[in-house]
């Protein structure tokens, strides 16, 4: 049940910034992009640690930002247990803290929890946090493995996330 995300207009949000570190969560945004493009999330014989559609998405984002004069780099998480930005260890967060030095902004590709993780890491730094995606709902999908190497998500539906009513929010 990955979270389904909608893209936000990062280029308009980045005005006045000359450098940005792109910090992606690899699972939910990767699944979102693959499903949107109707492509396999992963091709295991080509790259067992990367989602080609998501890599292309990030390259496109970098190109668009470069066109407006913003230098970018992607903070990569190659190990599977690091793919979930919202659950990073203290060690991984310290690596991000070191990597952020020298950048004016961080662009987060992930959910609200991923963004909060980055905000906590950079809170004492002079660095803007820019959301690159917004939660649209929870994805209900069937994971499929197609021989010889395709891992895909099919029959996807986006289920809205229930928000508390005003009465529940006040009493809760």
N, C-alpha and C. Protein backbone atom coordinates (compact mmCIF):
# COMPACT_ATOMS: atom_id res chain seq x y z
N UNK A 1 0.82 -1.19 0.00
CA UNK A 1 0.00 0.00 0.00
C UNK A 1 0.87 1.26 0.00
N UNK A 2 1.54 1.49 -1.10
CA UNK A 2 2.32 2.73 -1.15
C UNK A 2 1.42 3.96 -1.15
N UNK A 3 1.98 5.06 -0.73
CA UNK A 3 1.27 6.33 -0.78
C UNK A 3 1.35 6.86 -2.20
N UNK A 4 0.23 7.34 -2.72
CA UNK A 4 0.21 7.93 -4.06
C UNK A 4 0.46 9.44 -3.90
N UNK A 5 1.36 9.96 -4.73
CA UNK A 5 1.78 11.36 -4.62
C UNK A 5 1.52 12.11 -5.92
N UNK A 6 1.17 13.37 -5.80
CA UNK A 6 1.05 14.27 -6.95
C UNK A 6 2.26 15.18 -6.97
N UNK A 7 2.72 15.53 -8.17
CA UNK A 7 3.85 16.44 -8.32
C UNK A 7 3.45 17.86 -7.94
N UNK A 8 4.39 18.59 -7.39
CA UNK A 8 4.22 20.01 -7.12
C UNK A 8 5.18 20.78 -8.04
N UNK A 9 4.89 22.05 -8.27
CA UNK A 9 5.70 22.87 -9.15
C UNK A 9 6.94 23.37 -8.41
N UNK A 10 7.98 22.57 -8.45
CA UNK A 10 9.22 22.88 -7.74
C UNK A 10 9.91 24.09 -8.36
N UNK A 11 9.87 24.21 -9.68
CA UNK A 11 10.58 25.29 -10.35
C UNK A 11 10.09 26.66 -9.89
N UNK A 12 8.80 26.83 -9.71
CA UNK A 12 8.30 28.13 -9.23
C UNK A 12 8.63 28.36 -7.75
N UNK A 13 8.76 27.29 -6.97
CA UNK A 13 9.08 27.41 -5.55
C UNK A 13 10.56 27.70 -5.30
N UNK A 14 11.40 27.44 -6.26
CA UNK A 14 12.85 27.51 -6.06
C UNK A 14 13.43 28.89 -6.34
N UNK A 15 12.58 29.83 -6.73
CA UNK A 15 13.06 31.18 -7.08
C UNK A 15 13.95 31.75 -5.98
N UNK A 16 15.07 32.35 -6.42
CA UNK A 16 16.00 32.95 -5.47
C UNK A 16 17.02 31.98 -4.91
N UNK A 17 16.99 30.74 -5.35
CA UNK A 17 17.90 29.71 -4.86
C UNK A 17 18.83 29.30 -6.00
N UNK A 18 20.11 29.13 -5.70
CA UNK A 18 21.06 28.74 -6.75
C UNK A 18 21.53 27.29 -6.63
N UNK A 19 21.22 26.64 -5.49
CA UNK A 19 21.63 25.25 -5.32
C UNK A 19 20.61 24.49 -4.47
N UNK A 20 20.39 23.24 -4.85
CA UNK A 20 19.42 22.42 -4.11
C UNK A 20 19.85 20.96 -4.12
N UNK A 21 19.66 20.33 -2.99
CA UNK A 21 19.89 18.90 -2.85
C UNK A 21 18.54 18.21 -2.95
N UNK A 22 18.40 17.28 -3.87
CA UNK A 22 17.16 16.53 -4.03
C UNK A 22 17.25 15.30 -3.14
N UNK A 23 16.28 15.16 -2.23
CA UNK A 23 16.27 14.05 -1.28
C UNK A 23 15.01 13.22 -1.54
N UNK A 24 15.18 12.08 -2.22
CA UNK A 24 14.01 11.25 -2.52
C UNK A 24 13.81 10.11 -1.54
N UNK A 25 12.56 9.83 -1.28
CA UNK A 25 12.17 8.56 -0.69
C UNK A 25 12.05 7.66 -1.92
N UNK A 26 12.57 6.48 -1.89
CA UNK A 26 12.62 5.69 -3.12
C UNK A 26 11.39 4.83 -3.39
N UNK A 27 10.59 4.54 -2.38
CA UNK A 27 9.50 3.61 -2.62
C UNK A 27 8.24 4.29 -3.15
N UNK A 28 7.56 5.04 -2.34
CA UNK A 28 6.27 5.61 -2.76
C UNK A 28 6.38 6.52 -3.98
N UNK A 29 7.33 7.46 -4.03
CA UNK A 29 7.45 8.26 -5.24
C UNK A 29 7.81 7.41 -6.47
N UNK A 30 8.67 6.41 -6.25
CA UNK A 30 9.06 5.54 -7.36
C UNK A 30 7.89 4.74 -7.91
N UNK A 31 7.08 4.20 -7.01
CA UNK A 31 5.89 3.46 -7.44
C UNK A 31 4.91 4.41 -8.13
N UNK A 32 4.73 5.60 -7.57
CA UNK A 32 3.81 6.58 -8.16
C UNK A 32 4.20 6.89 -9.60
N UNK A 33 5.48 7.17 -9.83
CA UNK A 33 5.95 7.52 -11.18
C UNK A 33 5.80 6.32 -12.12
N UNK A 34 6.18 5.13 -11.67
CA UNK A 34 6.07 3.94 -12.51
C UNK A 34 4.62 3.66 -12.91
N UNK A 35 3.71 3.77 -11.95
CA UNK A 35 2.29 3.53 -12.23
C UNK A 35 1.75 4.58 -13.19
N UNK A 36 2.09 5.84 -12.95
CA UNK A 36 1.63 6.93 -13.81
C UNK A 36 2.10 6.72 -15.25
N UNK A 37 3.31 6.21 -15.43
CA UNK A 37 3.87 6.00 -16.77
C UNK A 37 3.58 4.61 -17.32
N UNK A 38 2.85 3.80 -16.54
CA UNK A 38 2.51 2.44 -16.94
C UNK A 38 3.76 1.64 -17.33
N UNK A 39 4.75 1.71 -16.44
CA UNK A 39 6.02 1.02 -16.65
C UNK A 39 6.35 0.18 -15.42
N UNK A 40 7.22 -0.81 -15.57
CA UNK A 40 7.64 -1.58 -14.40
C UNK A 40 8.35 -0.69 -13.38
N UNK A 41 8.07 -0.94 -12.12
CA UNK A 41 8.74 -0.22 -11.04
C UNK A 41 10.24 -0.54 -11.07
N UNK A 42 10.56 -1.82 -11.25
CA UNK A 42 11.96 -2.25 -11.32
C UNK A 42 12.12 -3.32 -12.39
N UNK A 43 13.32 -3.35 -12.96
CA UNK A 43 13.75 -4.42 -13.86
C UNK A 43 14.93 -5.08 -13.16
N UNK A 44 14.69 -6.19 -12.51
CA UNK A 44 15.66 -6.79 -11.61
C UNK A 44 16.98 -7.18 -12.27
N UNK A 45 16.96 -7.57 -13.54
CA UNK A 45 18.21 -7.94 -14.20
C UNK A 45 18.99 -6.72 -14.67
N UNK A 46 18.36 -5.58 -14.75
CA UNK A 46 19.05 -4.36 -15.18
C UNK A 46 19.59 -3.58 -13.99
N UNK A 47 18.78 -3.42 -12.97
CA UNK A 47 19.23 -2.71 -11.77
C UNK A 47 18.34 -3.14 -10.62
N UNK A 48 18.93 -3.87 -9.71
CA UNK A 48 18.15 -4.39 -8.59
C UNK A 48 17.93 -3.33 -7.51
N UNK A 49 18.62 -2.19 -7.60
CA UNK A 49 18.51 -1.17 -6.57
C UNK A 49 17.96 0.16 -7.07
N UNK A 50 17.44 0.20 -8.30
CA UNK A 50 16.92 1.46 -8.84
C UNK A 50 15.64 1.21 -9.63
N UNK A 51 14.79 2.23 -9.62
CA UNK A 51 13.59 2.22 -10.44
C UNK A 51 13.86 3.14 -11.62
N UNK A 52 13.95 2.59 -12.83
CA UNK A 52 14.28 3.39 -14.02
C UNK A 52 13.31 4.56 -14.22
N UNK A 53 11.98 4.35 -14.10
CA UNK A 53 11.10 5.51 -14.29
C UNK A 53 11.37 6.63 -13.28
N UNK A 54 11.65 6.27 -12.03
CA UNK A 54 11.90 7.28 -11.01
C UNK A 54 13.25 7.97 -11.24
N UNK A 55 14.25 7.22 -11.66
CA UNK A 55 15.55 7.81 -11.99
C UNK A 55 15.40 8.83 -13.12
N UNK A 56 14.62 8.48 -14.14
CA UNK A 56 14.38 9.40 -15.25
C UNK A 56 13.61 10.63 -14.80
N UNK A 57 12.67 10.44 -13.89
CA UNK A 57 11.90 11.55 -13.33
C UNK A 57 12.84 12.54 -12.63
N UNK A 58 13.76 12.01 -11.82
CA UNK A 58 14.69 12.88 -11.09
C UNK A 58 15.66 13.57 -12.05
N UNK A 59 16.09 12.88 -13.10
CA UNK A 59 16.96 13.51 -14.11
C UNK A 59 16.23 14.64 -14.81
N UNK A 60 14.96 14.44 -15.11
CA UNK A 60 14.15 15.49 -15.74
C UNK A 60 14.01 16.69 -14.81
N UNK A 61 13.76 16.44 -13.54
CA UNK A 61 13.67 17.52 -12.56
C UNK A 61 14.98 18.29 -12.48
N UNK A 62 16.08 17.57 -12.46
CA UNK A 62 17.38 18.23 -12.43
C UNK A 62 17.59 19.10 -13.67
N UNK A 63 17.19 18.61 -14.82
CA UNK A 63 17.33 19.38 -16.07
C UNK A 63 16.50 20.66 -16.02
N UNK A 64 15.26 20.55 -15.55
CA UNK A 64 14.40 21.73 -15.45
C UNK A 64 14.98 22.76 -14.49
N UNK A 65 15.55 22.30 -13.40
CA UNK A 65 16.15 23.21 -12.43
C UNK A 65 17.44 23.83 -12.98
N UNK A 66 18.20 23.05 -13.71
CA UNK A 66 19.42 23.57 -14.32
C UNK A 66 19.10 24.67 -15.33
N UNK A 67 17.99 24.52 -16.05
CA UNK A 67 17.57 25.53 -17.02
C UNK A 67 17.29 26.88 -16.36
N UNK A 68 16.90 26.88 -15.09
CA UNK A 68 16.65 28.14 -14.39
C UNK A 68 17.82 28.52 -13.47
N UNK A 69 18.97 27.86 -13.69
CA UNK A 69 20.19 28.24 -12.99
C UNK A 69 20.39 27.64 -11.61
N UNK A 70 19.73 26.53 -11.33
CA UNK A 70 19.87 25.90 -10.01
C UNK A 70 20.74 24.65 -10.15
N UNK A 71 21.84 24.63 -9.39
CA UNK A 71 22.73 23.48 -9.34
C UNK A 71 22.10 22.44 -8.42
N UNK A 72 22.04 21.19 -8.86
CA UNK A 72 21.41 20.14 -8.05
C UNK A 72 22.27 18.89 -7.97
N UNK A 73 21.98 18.13 -6.96
CA UNK A 73 22.54 16.80 -6.80
C UNK A 73 21.47 15.97 -6.10
N UNK A 74 21.49 14.66 -6.30
CA UNK A 74 20.53 13.78 -5.64
C UNK A 74 21.24 13.07 -4.49
N UNK A 75 20.63 13.10 -3.31
CA UNK A 75 21.12 12.38 -2.15
C UNK A 75 20.58 10.96 -2.27
N UNK A 76 21.42 10.05 -2.67
CA UNK A 76 20.98 8.69 -3.00
C UNK A 76 21.00 7.76 -1.79
N UNK A 77 20.04 6.88 -1.77
CA UNK A 77 19.95 5.82 -0.76
C UNK A 77 19.92 4.50 -1.50
N UNK A 78 21.05 3.83 -1.51
CA UNK A 78 21.17 2.61 -2.32
C UNK A 78 20.69 1.35 -1.62
N UNK A 79 20.75 1.32 -0.31
CA UNK A 79 20.36 0.11 0.41
C UNK A 79 18.86 0.11 0.66
N UNK A 80 18.24 -1.05 0.55
CA UNK A 80 16.78 -1.13 0.68
C UNK A 80 16.27 -0.55 1.99
N UNK A 81 16.95 -0.80 3.09
CA UNK A 81 16.45 -0.31 4.38
C UNK A 81 16.55 1.21 4.48
N UNK A 82 17.23 1.87 3.54
CA UNK A 82 17.30 3.33 3.52
C UNK A 82 16.28 3.94 2.57
N UNK A 83 15.53 3.11 1.88
CA UNK A 83 14.57 3.61 0.89
C UNK A 83 13.44 4.39 1.53
N UNK A 84 13.08 4.06 2.74
CA UNK A 84 11.97 4.72 3.42
C UNK A 84 12.52 5.90 4.21
N UNK A 85 12.48 7.07 3.62
CA UNK A 85 13.04 8.27 4.23
C UNK A 85 12.44 8.53 5.60
N UNK A 86 11.18 8.23 5.77
CA UNK A 86 10.50 8.51 7.04
C UNK A 86 11.00 7.62 8.18
N UNK A 87 11.77 6.60 7.87
CA UNK A 87 12.25 5.68 8.91
C UNK A 87 13.78 5.62 8.96
N UNK A 88 14.44 6.66 8.51
CA UNK A 88 15.90 6.66 8.53
C UNK A 88 16.45 6.59 9.94
N UNK A 89 17.58 5.94 10.05
CA UNK A 89 18.30 5.85 11.32
C UNK A 89 18.99 7.19 11.62
N UNK A 90 19.48 7.34 12.85
CA UNK A 90 20.24 8.53 13.20
C UNK A 90 21.46 8.67 12.30
N UNK A 91 22.10 7.56 11.98
CA UNK A 91 23.29 7.60 11.13
C UNK A 91 22.98 8.14 9.74
N UNK A 92 21.87 7.70 9.17
CA UNK A 92 21.49 8.17 7.84
C UNK A 92 21.13 9.65 7.88
N UNK A 93 20.47 10.07 8.94
CA UNK A 93 20.12 11.49 9.09
C UNK A 93 21.38 12.35 9.22
N UNK A 94 22.39 11.85 9.91
CA UNK A 94 23.65 12.58 10.03
C UNK A 94 24.35 12.68 8.68
N UNK A 95 24.25 11.64 7.86
CA UNK A 95 24.82 11.70 6.52
C UNK A 95 24.13 12.78 5.69
N UNK A 96 22.81 12.89 5.83
CA UNK A 96 22.08 13.94 5.14
C UNK A 96 22.52 15.31 5.65
N UNK A 97 22.66 15.45 6.95
CA UNK A 97 23.07 16.73 7.53
C UNK A 97 24.41 17.19 6.94
N UNK A 98 25.34 16.27 6.77
CA UNK A 98 26.64 16.61 6.16
C UNK A 98 26.47 16.97 4.69
N UNK A 99 25.62 16.24 4.00
CA UNK A 99 25.43 16.46 2.56
C UNK A 99 24.75 17.79 2.27
N UNK A 100 23.90 18.26 3.16
CA UNK A 100 23.13 19.49 2.94
C UNK A 100 24.03 20.72 2.96
N UNK A 101 25.15 20.65 3.69
CA UNK A 101 26.05 21.80 3.76
C UNK A 101 26.48 22.18 2.34
N UNK A 102 26.36 23.45 2.02
CA UNK A 102 26.71 23.92 0.69
C UNK A 102 25.51 24.06 -0.23
N UNK A 103 24.33 23.73 0.26
CA UNK A 103 23.11 23.89 -0.53
C UNK A 103 22.19 24.89 0.16
N UNK A 104 21.48 25.65 -0.64
CA UNK A 104 20.54 26.64 -0.11
C UNK A 104 19.17 26.04 0.16
N UNK A 105 18.87 24.93 -0.51
CA UNK A 105 17.55 24.31 -0.37
C UNK A 105 17.66 22.80 -0.48
N UNK A 106 16.65 22.15 0.07
CA UNK A 106 16.48 20.71 -0.06
C UNK A 106 15.10 20.49 -0.67
N UNK A 107 15.06 19.71 -1.74
CA UNK A 107 13.79 19.35 -2.37
C UNK A 107 13.47 17.93 -1.97
N UNK A 108 12.36 17.74 -1.28
CA UNK A 108 11.97 16.42 -0.79
C UNK A 108 10.97 15.80 -1.76
N UNK A 109 11.28 14.60 -2.22
CA UNK A 109 10.35 13.83 -3.04
C UNK A 109 9.82 12.71 -2.17
N UNK A 110 8.65 12.95 -1.58
CA UNK A 110 8.06 11.98 -0.67
C UNK A 110 6.85 12.57 0.01
N UNK A 111 6.38 11.87 1.01
CA UNK A 111 5.17 12.27 1.73
C UNK A 111 5.47 13.31 2.81
N UNK A 112 4.45 13.67 3.58
CA UNK A 112 4.60 14.64 4.66
C UNK A 112 5.60 14.15 5.71
N UNK A 113 5.62 12.85 5.97
CA UNK A 113 6.53 12.31 6.96
C UNK A 113 7.98 12.40 6.47
N UNK A 114 8.19 12.16 5.19
CA UNK A 114 9.53 12.31 4.61
C UNK A 114 9.99 13.76 4.73
N UNK A 115 9.09 14.69 4.43
CA UNK A 115 9.41 16.11 4.54
C UNK A 115 9.74 16.48 5.97
N UNK A 116 9.00 15.95 6.93
CA UNK A 116 9.26 16.23 8.34
C UNK A 116 10.62 15.68 8.76
N UNK A 117 10.99 14.52 8.26
CA UNK A 117 12.32 13.97 8.56
C UNK A 117 13.40 14.94 8.11
N UNK A 118 13.27 15.47 6.91
CA UNK A 118 14.26 16.41 6.39
C UNK A 118 14.23 17.71 7.19
N UNK A 119 13.04 18.19 7.51
CA UNK A 119 12.94 19.43 8.32
C UNK A 119 13.67 19.27 9.65
N UNK A 120 13.53 18.12 10.29
CA UNK A 120 14.21 17.88 11.57
C UNK A 120 15.72 17.92 11.39
N UNK A 121 16.21 17.36 10.29
CA UNK A 121 17.65 17.32 10.04
C UNK A 121 18.22 18.72 9.80
N UNK A 122 17.50 19.57 9.06
CA UNK A 122 18.04 20.87 8.68
C UNK A 122 17.53 22.03 9.54
N UNK A 123 16.80 21.75 10.60
CA UNK A 123 16.15 22.82 11.37
C UNK A 123 17.11 23.87 11.90
N UNK A 124 18.34 23.51 12.21
CA UNK A 124 19.29 24.49 12.74
C UNK A 124 20.16 25.09 11.63
N UNK A 125 19.87 24.75 10.38
CA UNK A 125 20.67 25.23 9.26
C UNK A 125 19.88 26.28 8.47
N UNK A 126 20.60 27.10 7.76
CA UNK A 126 19.96 28.10 6.90
C UNK A 126 19.69 27.45 5.55
N UNK A 127 18.64 26.66 5.49
CA UNK A 127 18.34 25.86 4.30
C UNK A 127 16.82 25.73 4.16
N UNK A 128 16.30 26.09 3.00
CA UNK A 128 14.87 25.95 2.74
C UNK A 128 14.52 24.51 2.43
N UNK A 129 13.38 24.07 2.91
CA UNK A 129 12.85 22.74 2.59
C UNK A 129 11.68 22.96 1.64
N UNK A 130 11.77 22.34 0.47
CA UNK A 130 10.75 22.49 -0.56
C UNK A 130 10.14 21.13 -0.85
N UNK A 131 8.82 21.06 -0.75
CA UNK A 131 8.12 19.81 -1.06
C UNK A 131 8.01 19.67 -2.57
N UNK A 132 8.44 18.52 -3.06
CA UNK A 132 8.35 18.25 -4.50
C UNK A 132 7.11 17.45 -4.86
N UNK A 133 6.47 16.85 -3.85
CA UNK A 133 5.28 16.03 -4.08
C UNK A 133 4.32 16.23 -2.91
N UNK A 134 3.04 15.93 -3.18
CA UNK A 134 2.00 16.04 -2.16
C UNK A 134 1.20 14.74 -2.13
N UNK A 135 0.83 14.33 -0.93
CA UNK A 135 0.05 13.10 -0.76
C UNK A 135 -1.32 13.26 -1.40
N UNK A 136 -1.68 12.29 -2.24
CA UNK A 136 -2.99 12.29 -2.89
C UNK A 136 -3.88 11.18 -2.34
N UNK A 137 -3.27 10.18 -1.70
CA UNK A 137 -4.03 9.08 -1.16
C UNK A 137 -3.15 7.85 -1.00
N UNK A 138 -3.80 6.75 -0.67
CA UNK A 138 -3.11 5.47 -0.54
C UNK A 138 -3.41 4.67 -1.80
N UNK A 139 -2.38 4.05 -2.34
CA UNK A 139 -2.56 3.27 -3.55
C UNK A 139 -2.95 1.84 -3.21
N UNK A 140 -4.02 1.39 -3.81
CA UNK A 140 -4.44 0.00 -3.70
C UNK A 140 -4.04 -0.63 -5.03
N UNK A 141 -3.14 -1.59 -4.99
CA UNK A 141 -2.60 -2.15 -6.23
C UNK A 141 -2.23 -3.61 -6.05
N UNK A 142 -2.07 -4.28 -7.16
CA UNK A 142 -1.57 -5.65 -7.17
C UNK A 142 -0.12 -5.62 -7.63
N UNK A 143 0.76 -6.17 -6.79
CA UNK A 143 2.16 -6.27 -7.20
C UNK A 143 2.29 -7.50 -8.09
N UNK A 144 2.97 -7.33 -9.20
CA UNK A 144 3.15 -8.42 -10.16
C UNK A 144 4.62 -8.58 -10.50
N UNK A 145 5.05 -9.84 -10.56
CA UNK A 145 6.37 -10.15 -11.08
C UNK A 145 6.16 -10.83 -12.42
N UNK A 146 6.76 -10.27 -13.44
CA UNK A 146 6.67 -10.83 -14.79
C UNK A 146 8.06 -11.32 -15.20
N UNK A 147 8.10 -12.58 -15.59
CA UNK A 147 9.36 -13.19 -16.00
C UNK A 147 9.92 -12.45 -17.19
N UNK A 148 11.18 -12.13 -17.26
CA UNK A 148 12.22 -12.61 -16.35
C UNK A 148 12.57 -11.64 -15.24
N UNK A 149 12.12 -10.38 -15.31
CA UNK A 149 12.69 -9.44 -14.33
C UNK A 149 11.80 -8.26 -13.97
N UNK A 150 10.57 -8.23 -14.39
CA UNK A 150 9.75 -7.02 -14.21
C UNK A 150 8.90 -7.08 -12.94
N UNK A 151 9.11 -6.07 -12.09
CA UNK A 151 8.30 -5.91 -10.89
C UNK A 151 7.41 -4.69 -11.14
N UNK A 152 6.11 -4.93 -11.20
CA UNK A 152 5.16 -3.87 -11.55
C UNK A 152 4.02 -3.82 -10.54
N UNK A 153 3.28 -2.72 -10.62
CA UNK A 153 2.05 -2.56 -9.84
C UNK A 153 0.92 -2.37 -10.84
N UNK A 154 -0.14 -3.16 -10.69
CA UNK A 154 -1.23 -3.15 -11.66
C UNK A 154 -2.58 -2.97 -10.94
N UNK A 155 -3.59 -2.68 -11.75
CA UNK A 155 -4.96 -2.49 -11.23
C UNK A 155 -4.97 -1.51 -10.05
N UNK A 156 -4.32 -0.39 -10.26
CA UNK A 156 -4.15 0.59 -9.18
C UNK A 156 -5.35 1.51 -9.04
N UNK A 157 -5.69 1.76 -7.81
CA UNK A 157 -6.71 2.74 -7.46
C UNK A 157 -6.15 3.58 -6.32
N UNK A 158 -6.47 4.87 -6.35
CA UNK A 158 -6.04 5.75 -5.27
C UNK A 158 -7.20 5.91 -4.30
N UNK A 159 -6.97 5.52 -3.07
CA UNK A 159 -7.98 5.64 -2.03
C UNK A 159 -7.67 6.90 -1.22
N UNK A 160 -8.64 7.79 -1.06
CA UNK A 160 -8.37 9.00 -0.28
C UNK A 160 -8.07 8.66 1.17
N UNK A 161 -7.27 9.50 1.77
CA UNK A 161 -6.98 9.34 3.20
C UNK A 161 -8.05 10.10 3.96
N UNK A 162 -8.70 9.43 4.87
CA UNK A 162 -9.77 10.07 5.64
C UNK A 162 -9.19 11.12 6.56
N UNK A 163 -9.80 12.28 6.54
CA UNK A 163 -9.40 13.34 7.45
C UNK A 163 -10.46 13.44 8.54
N UNK A 164 -10.05 13.76 9.76
CA UNK A 164 -11.04 13.86 10.83
C UNK A 164 -12.00 15.03 10.57
N UNK A 165 -13.22 14.84 10.98
CA UNK A 165 -14.18 15.93 10.89
C UNK A 165 -13.76 17.01 11.87
N UNK A 166 -14.34 18.19 11.75
CA UNK A 166 -13.99 19.29 12.65
C UNK A 166 -14.28 18.91 14.10
N UNK A 167 -15.39 18.22 14.32
CA UNK A 167 -15.77 17.81 15.67
C UNK A 167 -14.74 16.82 16.24
N UNK A 168 -14.30 15.84 15.43
CA UNK A 168 -13.30 14.87 15.87
C UNK A 168 -11.97 15.56 16.17
N UNK A 169 -11.59 16.52 15.35
CA UNK A 169 -10.32 17.23 15.54
C UNK A 169 -10.33 18.02 16.85
N UNK A 170 -11.46 18.62 17.17
CA UNK A 170 -11.57 19.42 18.40
C UNK A 170 -11.55 18.53 19.61
N UNK A 171 -12.27 17.39 19.58
CA UNK A 171 -12.36 16.53 20.75
C UNK A 171 -11.15 15.62 20.89
N UNK A 172 -10.43 15.38 19.79
CA UNK A 172 -9.34 14.43 19.79
C UNK A 172 -8.10 14.92 20.34
